[in-house]
N, C-alpha and C. Protein backbone atom coordinates (compact mmCIF):
# COMPACT_ATOMS: atom_id res chain seq x y z
N MET A 1 0.86 -1.13 -0.06
CA MET A 1 0.06 -0.03 -0.03
C MET A 1 0.94 1.31 0.04
N ILE A 2 0.27 2.37 -0.53
CA ILE A 2 1.03 3.57 -0.52
C ILE A 2 0.14 4.71 -0.17
N GLU A 3 0.65 5.63 0.49
CA GLU A 3 -0.20 6.90 0.95
C GLU A 3 -0.68 7.57 -0.27
N LEU A 4 -1.94 8.15 -0.12
CA LEU A 4 -2.58 8.78 -1.21
C LEU A 4 -1.77 10.03 -1.59
N ALA A 5 -1.07 10.75 -0.62
CA ALA A 5 -0.29 11.87 -0.88
C ALA A 5 0.83 11.54 -1.82
N GLU A 6 1.33 10.29 -1.74
CA GLU A 6 2.44 9.82 -2.57
C GLU A 6 1.92 9.56 -4.02
N VAL A 7 0.70 8.97 -4.15
CA VAL A 7 0.18 8.81 -5.44
C VAL A 7 -0.04 10.12 -6.21
N ILE A 8 -0.52 11.17 -5.51
CA ILE A 8 -0.74 12.43 -6.08
C ILE A 8 0.58 13.07 -6.50
N ARG A 9 1.61 12.85 -5.59
CA ARG A 9 2.91 13.42 -5.85
C ARG A 9 3.53 12.81 -7.10
N GLY A 10 3.41 11.47 -7.25
CA GLY A 10 3.90 10.73 -8.30
C GLY A 10 3.14 11.22 -9.67
N LEU A 11 1.88 11.40 -9.51
CA LEU A 11 1.12 11.98 -10.64
C LEU A 11 1.65 13.40 -11.14
N ARG A 12 1.98 14.28 -10.16
CA ARG A 12 2.48 15.54 -10.40
C ARG A 12 3.77 15.43 -11.11
N ASP A 13 4.66 14.53 -10.67
CA ASP A 13 5.91 14.32 -11.29
C ASP A 13 5.82 13.85 -12.71
N GLU A 14 4.92 12.91 -12.91
CA GLU A 14 4.76 12.40 -14.34
C GLU A 14 4.25 13.63 -15.28
N LEU A 15 3.31 14.39 -14.79
CA LEU A 15 2.86 15.49 -15.58
C LEU A 15 4.01 16.49 -15.88
N GLU A 16 4.77 16.81 -14.83
CA GLU A 16 6.03 17.65 -15.13
C GLU A 16 6.90 16.97 -16.21
N ARG A 17 7.21 15.76 -16.04
CA ARG A 17 8.02 15.04 -17.06
C ARG A 17 7.40 15.22 -18.58
N ALA A 18 6.10 15.04 -18.65
CA ALA A 18 5.37 15.09 -19.95
C ALA A 18 5.45 16.55 -20.40
N ILE A 19 5.35 17.50 -19.58
CA ILE A 19 5.50 18.93 -20.05
C ILE A 19 6.84 19.19 -20.58
N ALA A 20 7.92 18.76 -19.90
CA ALA A 20 9.34 18.91 -20.31
C ALA A 20 9.60 18.10 -21.53
N ALA A 21 9.05 16.85 -21.74
CA ALA A 21 9.27 16.08 -22.88
C ALA A 21 8.67 16.69 -24.16
N GLY A 22 7.57 17.44 -23.96
CA GLY A 22 6.95 18.07 -25.09
C GLY A 22 7.54 19.40 -25.48
N ASP A 23 8.59 19.89 -24.90
CA ASP A 23 9.22 21.07 -25.25
C ASP A 23 9.64 21.15 -26.63
N GLY A 24 9.25 22.19 -27.37
CA GLY A 24 9.60 22.29 -28.80
C GLY A 24 8.72 21.50 -29.80
N GLU A 25 7.80 20.71 -29.34
CA GLU A 25 6.90 19.97 -30.27
C GLU A 25 5.77 20.85 -30.84
N ALA A 26 5.48 20.59 -32.13
CA ALA A 26 4.43 21.45 -32.69
C ALA A 26 3.04 21.01 -32.23
N LEU A 27 2.80 19.74 -31.96
CA LEU A 27 1.50 19.33 -31.42
C LEU A 27 1.44 19.61 -30.00
N ARG A 28 0.46 20.31 -29.60
CA ARG A 28 0.20 20.64 -28.05
C ARG A 28 -1.01 20.03 -27.53
N PHE A 29 -0.88 19.56 -26.33
CA PHE A 29 -2.13 18.97 -25.61
C PHE A 29 -2.37 19.89 -24.48
N GLU A 30 -3.54 20.36 -24.21
CA GLU A 30 -3.91 21.02 -23.02
C GLU A 30 -4.25 19.95 -22.09
N VAL A 31 -3.83 20.11 -20.76
CA VAL A 31 -4.09 19.24 -19.71
C VAL A 31 -5.38 19.67 -19.04
N GLY A 32 -6.43 18.81 -19.25
CA GLY A 32 -7.69 19.19 -18.62
C GLY A 32 -7.87 18.51 -17.33
N PRO A 33 -9.12 18.45 -16.82
CA PRO A 33 -9.25 17.93 -15.42
C PRO A 33 -8.79 16.43 -15.39
N ILE A 34 -8.21 15.98 -14.43
CA ILE A 34 -7.67 14.66 -14.19
C ILE A 34 -8.64 13.95 -13.15
N GLU A 35 -9.23 12.72 -13.59
CA GLU A 35 -9.97 11.89 -12.75
C GLU A 35 -9.18 10.75 -12.28
N LEU A 36 -9.01 10.64 -10.95
CA LEU A 36 -8.24 9.55 -10.38
C LEU A 36 -9.13 8.80 -9.44
N GLU A 37 -9.30 7.57 -9.67
CA GLU A 37 -10.10 6.68 -8.89
C GLU A 37 -9.32 5.57 -8.29
N VAL A 38 -9.40 5.45 -6.84
CA VAL A 38 -8.41 4.50 -6.29
C VAL A 38 -9.26 3.82 -5.10
N SER A 39 -8.79 2.67 -4.74
CA SER A 39 -9.25 1.99 -3.56
C SER A 39 -8.39 2.45 -2.40
N VAL A 40 -8.97 2.74 -1.28
CA VAL A 40 -8.19 3.23 -0.11
C VAL A 40 -8.71 2.49 1.11
N VAL A 41 -7.64 2.44 2.03
CA VAL A 41 -7.82 1.86 3.34
C VAL A 41 -7.69 3.18 4.30
N VAL A 42 -8.61 3.42 5.12
CA VAL A 42 -8.58 4.60 5.96
C VAL A 42 -7.97 4.05 7.44
N GLU A 43 -6.90 4.72 7.79
CA GLU A 43 -6.37 4.40 9.08
C GLU A 43 -6.39 5.58 10.04
N VAL A 44 -6.89 5.23 11.25
CA VAL A 44 -6.89 6.39 12.23
C VAL A 44 -6.09 5.87 13.42
N ALA A 45 -5.01 6.42 13.77
CA ALA A 45 -4.19 5.94 14.91
C ALA A 45 -4.88 6.34 16.19
N ALA A 46 -4.62 5.41 17.24
CA ALA A 46 -5.31 5.48 18.44
C ALA A 46 -4.87 6.56 19.40
N GLN A 47 -3.70 7.03 19.31
CA GLN A 47 -3.03 8.08 20.26
C GLN A 47 -3.62 9.39 20.01
N ALA A 48 -3.68 10.26 20.93
CA ALA A 48 -4.17 11.58 20.95
C ALA A 48 -3.43 12.40 19.76
N GLY A 49 -4.19 13.25 19.09
CA GLY A 49 -3.46 14.14 18.15
C GLY A 49 -3.15 13.40 16.87
N ALA A 50 -3.43 12.13 16.77
CA ALA A 50 -3.04 11.42 15.59
C ALA A 50 -4.00 11.83 14.29
N LYS A 51 -3.47 11.69 13.26
CA LYS A 51 -4.14 12.08 11.96
C LYS A 51 -4.70 10.92 11.20
N VAL A 52 -5.59 11.23 10.35
CA VAL A 52 -6.17 10.12 9.62
C VAL A 52 -5.20 9.96 8.39
N ARG A 53 -5.05 8.69 7.99
CA ARG A 53 -4.24 8.45 6.74
C ARG A 53 -5.13 7.62 5.72
N PHE A 54 -4.83 7.93 4.47
CA PHE A 54 -5.49 7.22 3.36
C PHE A 54 -4.37 6.36 2.63
N TRP A 55 -4.52 5.07 2.59
CA TRP A 55 -3.60 4.26 1.99
C TRP A 55 -4.25 3.71 0.68
N VAL A 56 -3.54 3.88 -0.36
CA VAL A 56 -4.12 3.33 -1.71
C VAL A 56 -3.76 1.88 -1.75
N VAL A 57 -4.68 1.20 -2.04
CA VAL A 57 -4.59 -0.39 -2.23
C VAL A 57 -4.36 -0.68 -3.66
N ASP A 58 -3.08 -1.52 -3.76
CA ASP A 58 -2.70 -2.05 -5.16
C ASP A 58 -3.72 -3.16 -5.46
N VAL A 59 -4.05 -3.22 -6.70
CA VAL A 59 -5.02 -4.24 -7.22
C VAL A 59 -4.57 -5.66 -6.60
N GLY A 60 -3.28 -6.04 -6.68
CA GLY A 60 -2.76 -7.28 -6.33
C GLY A 60 -2.83 -7.47 -4.84
N VAL A 61 -2.86 -6.45 -4.12
CA VAL A 61 -2.90 -6.57 -2.62
C VAL A 61 -4.24 -6.45 -2.06
N GLN A 62 -5.18 -6.06 -2.75
CA GLN A 62 -6.49 -5.85 -2.31
C GLN A 62 -7.08 -7.01 -1.60
N GLY A 63 -6.84 -8.28 -2.16
CA GLY A 63 -7.36 -9.44 -1.44
C GLY A 63 -6.67 -9.55 -0.09
N ASN A 64 -5.56 -9.26 0.16
CA ASN A 64 -4.81 -9.37 1.43
C ASN A 64 -5.34 -8.31 2.46
N ALA A 65 -5.87 -7.12 1.89
CA ALA A 65 -6.32 -6.10 2.69
C ALA A 65 -7.86 -6.24 3.08
N SER A 66 -8.39 -7.50 2.81
CA SER A 66 -9.86 -7.73 3.01
C SER A 66 -10.27 -7.58 4.47
N GLN A 67 -9.21 -7.85 5.39
CA GLN A 67 -9.69 -7.55 6.77
C GLN A 67 -9.93 -6.20 7.12
N ALA A 68 -9.30 -5.21 6.46
CA ALA A 68 -9.49 -3.90 6.61
C ALA A 68 -10.58 -3.34 5.74
N VAL A 69 -11.30 -2.30 6.13
CA VAL A 69 -12.39 -1.73 5.35
C VAL A 69 -11.80 -0.89 4.23
N THR A 70 -12.13 -1.22 2.93
CA THR A 70 -11.65 -0.49 1.79
C THR A 70 -12.74 0.28 1.19
N GLN A 71 -12.48 1.41 0.66
CA GLN A 71 -13.48 2.32 0.05
C GLN A 71 -12.82 2.78 -1.30
N ARG A 72 -13.71 2.95 -2.29
CA ARG A 72 -13.40 3.47 -3.56
C ARG A 72 -13.66 5.02 -3.51
N ILE A 73 -12.60 5.84 -3.84
CA ILE A 73 -12.85 7.33 -3.93
C ILE A 73 -12.53 7.78 -5.24
N LYS A 74 -13.09 8.85 -5.77
CA LYS A 74 -12.67 9.43 -7.04
C LYS A 74 -12.34 10.90 -6.77
N LEU A 75 -11.21 11.34 -7.27
CA LEU A 75 -10.70 12.70 -7.06
C LEU A 75 -10.67 13.30 -8.51
N VAL A 76 -11.19 14.53 -8.53
CA VAL A 76 -11.10 15.28 -9.81
C VAL A 76 -10.10 16.40 -9.55
N LEU A 77 -8.93 16.36 -10.28
CA LEU A 77 -7.83 17.43 -10.07
C LEU A 77 -7.80 18.24 -11.30
N ALA A 78 -7.67 19.63 -10.97
CA ALA A 78 -7.57 20.62 -12.26
C ALA A 78 -6.14 21.07 -12.01
N PRO A 79 -5.22 20.70 -12.87
CA PRO A 79 -3.86 21.11 -12.74
C PRO A 79 -3.75 22.67 -13.26
N GLN A 80 -2.86 23.41 -12.51
CA GLN A 80 -2.58 24.76 -12.88
C GLN A 80 -1.10 24.85 -12.69
N VAL A 81 -0.50 25.93 -13.47
CA VAL A 81 0.97 26.20 -13.17
C VAL A 81 1.14 27.71 -13.20
N GLY A 82 2.19 28.16 -12.56
CA GLY A 82 2.60 29.50 -12.38
C GLY A 82 1.78 30.39 -11.51
N GLU A 83 2.23 31.54 -11.21
CA GLU A 83 1.43 32.33 -10.28
C GLU A 83 0.14 32.82 -10.73
N HIS A 84 -0.04 32.76 -12.06
CA HIS A 84 -1.39 33.15 -12.61
C HIS A 84 -2.20 31.99 -12.73
N ARG A 85 -1.93 30.73 -12.30
CA ARG A 85 -2.66 29.54 -12.31
C ARG A 85 -3.36 29.09 -13.63
N THR A 86 -2.46 29.15 -14.53
CA THR A 86 -2.95 28.82 -16.05
C THR A 86 -2.88 27.26 -16.25
N THR A 87 -3.76 26.89 -17.22
CA THR A 87 -3.83 25.50 -17.54
C THR A 87 -2.57 25.02 -18.25
N PRO A 88 -1.92 24.03 -17.80
CA PRO A 88 -0.65 23.58 -18.52
C PRO A 88 -0.89 22.95 -19.79
N ARG A 89 0.20 23.05 -20.60
CA ARG A 89 0.18 22.27 -21.88
C ARG A 89 1.37 21.40 -21.90
N VAL A 90 1.13 20.31 -22.47
CA VAL A 90 2.22 19.35 -22.78
C VAL A 90 3.00 19.71 -23.93
N SER A 91 3.70 20.72 -23.91
CA SER A 91 4.58 21.21 -24.92
C SER A 91 4.98 22.67 -24.44
N GLY A 92 5.90 23.20 -25.30
CA GLY A 92 6.42 24.53 -25.03
C GLY A 92 7.46 24.61 -23.96
N THR A 93 7.82 25.86 -23.68
CA THR A 93 8.91 26.18 -22.59
C THR A 93 8.23 26.59 -21.40
N ALA A 94 9.08 26.75 -20.30
CA ALA A 94 8.54 27.03 -19.00
C ALA A 94 7.93 28.43 -19.01
N GLY A 95 8.43 29.24 -19.80
CA GLY A 95 7.81 30.61 -20.01
C GLY A 95 6.51 30.62 -20.67
N ASP A 96 6.18 29.66 -21.63
CA ASP A 96 4.97 29.51 -22.25
C ASP A 96 3.96 29.01 -21.21
N ARG A 97 4.32 28.10 -20.30
CA ARG A 97 3.38 27.56 -19.32
C ARG A 97 2.91 28.56 -18.44
N GLU A 98 3.54 29.75 -18.12
CA GLU A 98 3.20 30.65 -17.14
C GLU A 98 2.34 31.85 -17.72
N ARG A 99 2.20 31.81 -19.00
CA ARG A 99 1.40 32.95 -19.70
C ARG A 99 -0.13 32.67 -19.63
């Protein structure tokens, strides 16, 4: 299992690599809303002040996690870049992404 925050961080890294790989390409793709659906196990620690953690369950591990309660959640993420929060494109230079 992996924490939900790690899954989102990995997705962000992949999108950054795709933007960099598209640099200078004539064909451009605008990155629209991203729908991410995962199975999660919710963990709440017993000690005071503990936080809730969401663990993403791998398809192969889901059978082993059957003792825990798993839930499917769907996140819709709208990627934005730069201080003006523009929609990124999988192409162009860093300056183009911030316009």
